[in-house]
Amino acid sequence: MDYLFLSKDIVRIQAGTDVRNKASQKVLENAGFVREGTIRKSAFNKGEWSDGYIYSILREEWTEPRILDKNPRS
């Protein structure tokens, strides 16, 4: 996310996750992504359809780099 907003002229990043994947949802939310909605029957895996959530973060919601080290060590 940091790399994309710092190096590209984009206004939005989006990500999707299975509704059952609570760990991925927490990671996205902790990174500042907002859940926008549910995509019903968006994936077919192991013989069954599953729903997904769509998340996004907009450039104006991204405040500063969180992952990239601003002060690299020598």
N, C-alpha and C. Protein backbone atom coordinates (compact mmCIF):
# COMPACT_ATOMS: atom_id res chain seq x y z
N MET A 1 0.83 -1.17 0.00
CA MET A 1 0.00 0.00 0.00
C MET A 1 0.88 1.25 0.00
N ASP A 2 1.86 1.28 0.87
CA ASP A 2 2.76 2.44 0.91
C ASP A 2 3.45 2.62 -0.44
N TYR A 3 3.99 1.54 -0.98
CA TYR A 3 4.69 1.61 -2.26
C TYR A 3 3.78 2.16 -3.35
N LEU A 4 2.56 1.66 -3.43
CA LEU A 4 1.65 2.10 -4.49
C LEU A 4 1.30 3.58 -4.36
N PHE A 5 0.97 4.03 -3.16
CA PHE A 5 0.61 5.44 -2.99
C PHE A 5 1.82 6.36 -3.17
N LEU A 6 3.01 5.90 -2.82
CA LEU A 6 4.20 6.74 -2.97
C LEU A 6 4.73 6.78 -4.40
N SER A 7 4.53 5.71 -5.15
CA SER A 7 5.17 5.65 -6.47
C SER A 7 4.21 5.76 -7.65
N LYS A 8 2.93 5.64 -7.42
CA LYS A 8 1.95 5.67 -8.52
C LYS A 8 0.91 6.76 -8.26
N ASP A 9 0.35 7.26 -9.33
CA ASP A 9 -0.70 8.28 -9.22
C ASP A 9 -2.06 7.58 -9.19
N ILE A 10 -2.33 6.91 -8.08
CA ILE A 10 -3.59 6.20 -7.93
C ILE A 10 -4.39 6.81 -6.79
N VAL A 11 -5.68 6.61 -6.82
CA VAL A 11 -6.55 7.18 -5.78
C VAL A 11 -7.17 6.11 -4.90
N ARG A 12 -7.02 4.83 -5.29
CA ARG A 12 -7.71 3.78 -4.55
C ARG A 12 -6.96 2.46 -4.68
N ILE A 13 -6.94 1.72 -3.57
CA ILE A 13 -6.45 0.35 -3.57
C ILE A 13 -7.58 -0.49 -3.00
N GLN A 14 -7.83 -1.63 -3.62
CA GLN A 14 -8.88 -2.49 -3.08
C GLN A 14 -8.36 -3.90 -2.89
N ALA A 15 -9.00 -4.62 -1.99
CA ALA A 15 -8.63 -5.99 -1.68
C ALA A 15 -9.90 -6.76 -1.35
N GLY A 16 -9.84 -8.05 -1.58
CA GLY A 16 -10.97 -8.90 -1.25
C GLY A 16 -10.55 -10.02 -0.33
N THR A 17 -11.50 -10.53 0.44
CA THR A 17 -11.24 -11.64 1.33
C THR A 17 -12.50 -12.48 1.50
N ASP A 18 -12.33 -13.73 1.79
CA ASP A 18 -13.45 -14.61 2.07
C ASP A 18 -14.10 -14.15 3.38
N VAL A 19 -15.42 -14.25 3.47
CA VAL A 19 -16.11 -13.80 4.68
C VAL A 19 -15.70 -14.60 5.91
N ARG A 20 -15.18 -15.80 5.71
CA ARG A 20 -14.76 -16.64 6.85
C ARG A 20 -13.35 -16.34 7.31
N ASN A 21 -12.60 -15.56 6.54
CA ASN A 21 -11.19 -15.31 6.85
C ASN A 21 -11.05 -14.09 7.76
N LYS A 22 -11.28 -14.30 9.03
CA LYS A 22 -11.25 -13.22 10.02
C LYS A 22 -9.86 -12.60 10.15
N ALA A 23 -8.82 -13.42 10.01
CA ALA A 23 -7.45 -12.90 10.15
C ALA A 23 -7.15 -11.88 9.05
N SER A 24 -7.50 -12.19 7.81
CA SER A 24 -7.26 -11.25 6.71
C SER A 24 -8.07 -9.98 6.88
N GLN A 25 -9.29 -10.11 7.36
CA GLN A 25 -10.13 -8.94 7.59
C GLN A 25 -9.50 -8.02 8.63
N LYS A 26 -8.97 -8.61 9.69
CA LYS A 26 -8.34 -7.81 10.74
C LYS A 26 -7.10 -7.09 10.22
N VAL A 27 -6.29 -7.78 9.41
CA VAL A 27 -5.09 -7.16 8.84
C VAL A 27 -5.48 -5.96 7.98
N LEU A 28 -6.47 -6.13 7.11
CA LEU A 28 -6.91 -5.03 6.25
C LEU A 28 -7.43 -3.86 7.06
N GLU A 29 -8.25 -4.14 8.06
CA GLU A 29 -8.82 -3.07 8.88
C GLU A 29 -7.73 -2.35 9.68
N ASN A 30 -6.75 -3.09 10.19
CA ASN A 30 -5.65 -2.46 10.91
C ASN A 30 -4.78 -1.60 10.01
N ALA A 31 -4.76 -1.93 8.72
CA ALA A 31 -3.99 -1.14 7.75
C ALA A 31 -4.76 0.08 7.26
N GLY A 32 -6.01 0.24 7.70
CA GLY A 32 -6.79 1.41 7.32
C GLY A 32 -7.82 1.17 6.24
N PHE A 33 -7.95 -0.06 5.77
CA PHE A 33 -8.95 -0.37 4.76
C PHE A 33 -10.35 -0.36 5.38
N VAL A 34 -11.33 -0.02 4.56
CA VAL A 34 -12.73 0.03 4.98
C VAL A 34 -13.50 -1.03 4.21
N ARG A 35 -14.31 -1.80 4.94
CA ARG A 35 -15.14 -2.80 4.26
C ARG A 35 -16.28 -2.08 3.54
N GLU A 36 -16.38 -2.34 2.25
CA GLU A 36 -17.39 -1.67 1.43
C GLU A 36 -18.63 -2.51 1.23
N GLY A 37 -18.49 -3.81 1.24
CA GLY A 37 -19.66 -4.64 1.02
C GLY A 37 -19.33 -6.10 0.84
N THR A 38 -20.39 -6.85 0.57
CA THR A 38 -20.29 -8.29 0.38
C THR A 38 -20.49 -8.62 -1.09
N ILE A 39 -19.65 -9.48 -1.59
CA ILE A 39 -19.81 -10.00 -2.95
C ILE A 39 -20.30 -11.43 -2.80
N ARG A 40 -21.55 -11.64 -3.13
CA ARG A 40 -22.16 -12.95 -2.91
C ARG A 40 -21.67 -13.97 -3.93
N LYS A 41 -21.39 -15.16 -3.42
CA LYS A 41 -20.94 -16.29 -4.24
C LYS A 41 -19.85 -15.86 -5.22
N SER A 42 -18.82 -15.28 -4.67
CA SER A 42 -17.74 -14.73 -5.51
C SER A 42 -16.62 -15.72 -5.81
N ALA A 43 -16.58 -16.82 -5.08
CA ALA A 43 -15.51 -17.80 -5.30
C ALA A 43 -16.05 -19.23 -5.19
N PHE A 44 -15.54 -20.08 -6.04
CA PHE A 44 -15.92 -21.49 -6.00
C PHE A 44 -14.68 -22.28 -5.63
N ASN A 45 -14.72 -22.93 -4.48
CA ASN A 45 -13.55 -23.63 -3.97
C ASN A 45 -13.99 -24.93 -3.30
N LYS A 46 -13.35 -26.01 -3.67
CA LYS A 46 -13.63 -27.33 -3.08
C LYS A 46 -15.12 -27.68 -3.14
N GLY A 47 -15.72 -27.39 -4.28
CA GLY A 47 -17.10 -27.80 -4.51
C GLY A 47 -18.18 -26.92 -3.92
N GLU A 48 -17.81 -25.75 -3.37
CA GLU A 48 -18.85 -24.87 -2.83
C GLU A 48 -18.57 -23.41 -3.13
N TRP A 49 -19.64 -22.66 -3.23
CA TRP A 49 -19.54 -21.21 -3.44
C TRP A 49 -19.38 -20.53 -2.09
N SER A 50 -18.60 -19.47 -2.07
CA SER A 50 -18.47 -18.69 -0.84
C SER A 50 -18.56 -17.20 -1.15
N ASP A 51 -19.01 -16.47 -0.16
CA ASP A 51 -19.13 -15.02 -0.28
C ASP A 51 -17.79 -14.37 0.05
N GLY A 52 -17.62 -13.15 -0.41
CA GLY A 52 -16.41 -12.40 -0.11
C GLY A 52 -16.74 -10.98 0.32
N TYR A 53 -15.79 -10.37 0.99
CA TYR A 53 -15.90 -8.96 1.36
C TYR A 53 -14.95 -8.17 0.47
N ILE A 54 -15.34 -6.97 0.10
CA ILE A 54 -14.47 -6.07 -0.64
C ILE A 54 -14.08 -4.93 0.28
N TYR A 55 -12.80 -4.64 0.32
CA TYR A 55 -12.24 -3.56 1.14
C TYR A 55 -11.54 -2.56 0.24
N SER A 56 -11.43 -1.32 0.70
CA SER A 56 -10.64 -0.34 -0.04
C SER A 56 -10.07 0.69 0.91
N ILE A 57 -9.05 1.37 0.40
CA ILE A 57 -8.51 2.54 1.08
C ILE A 57 -8.27 3.59 -0.01
N LEU A 58 -8.65 4.81 0.27
CA LEU A 58 -8.48 5.91 -0.67
C LEU A 58 -7.24 6.70 -0.29
N ARG A 59 -6.64 7.35 -1.28
CA ARG A 59 -5.43 8.12 -1.03
C ARG A 59 -5.62 9.10 0.13
N GLU A 60 -6.76 9.78 0.18
CA GLU A 60 -6.96 10.77 1.25
C GLU A 60 -7.14 10.13 2.64
N GLU A 61 -7.42 8.83 2.68
CA GLU A 61 -7.52 8.13 3.96
C GLU A 61 -6.16 7.61 4.42
N TRP A 62 -5.24 7.44 3.49
CA TRP A 62 -3.89 6.97 3.79
C TRP A 62 -3.09 8.18 4.26
N THR A 63 -2.63 8.14 5.48
CA THR A 63 -1.99 9.33 6.06
C THR A 63 -0.49 9.38 5.85
N GLU A 64 0.19 8.26 6.03
CA GLU A 64 1.65 8.23 5.88
C GLU A 64 2.11 6.79 5.80
N PRO A 65 3.32 6.57 5.31
CA PRO A 65 3.83 5.20 5.24
C PRO A 65 3.86 4.56 6.63
N ARG A 66 3.40 3.33 6.69
CA ARG A 66 3.40 2.59 7.96
C ARG A 66 4.37 1.42 7.93
N ILE A 67 4.58 0.88 6.73
CA ILE A 67 5.40 -0.33 6.63
C ILE A 67 6.83 0.00 6.22
N LEU A 68 6.99 0.89 5.27
CA LEU A 68 8.32 1.22 4.81
C LEU A 68 9.08 1.97 5.90
N ASP A 69 10.29 1.57 6.13
CA ASP A 69 11.11 2.20 7.16
C ASP A 69 11.59 3.56 6.68
N LYS A 70 11.20 4.60 7.40
CA LYS A 70 11.59 5.96 7.00
C LYS A 70 13.06 6.23 7.28
N ASN A 71 13.64 5.52 8.22
CA ASN A 71 15.04 5.71 8.60
C ASN A 71 15.79 4.39 8.45
N PRO A 72 16.16 4.04 7.23
CA PRO A 72 16.84 2.75 7.03
C PRO A 72 18.18 2.70 7.77
N ARG A 73 18.49 1.52 8.26
CA ARG A 73 19.76 1.31 8.96
C ARG A 73 20.86 1.02 7.95
N SER A 74 22.08 1.41 8.28
CA SER A 74 23.22 1.17 7.38
C SER A 74 23.64 -0.28 7.42
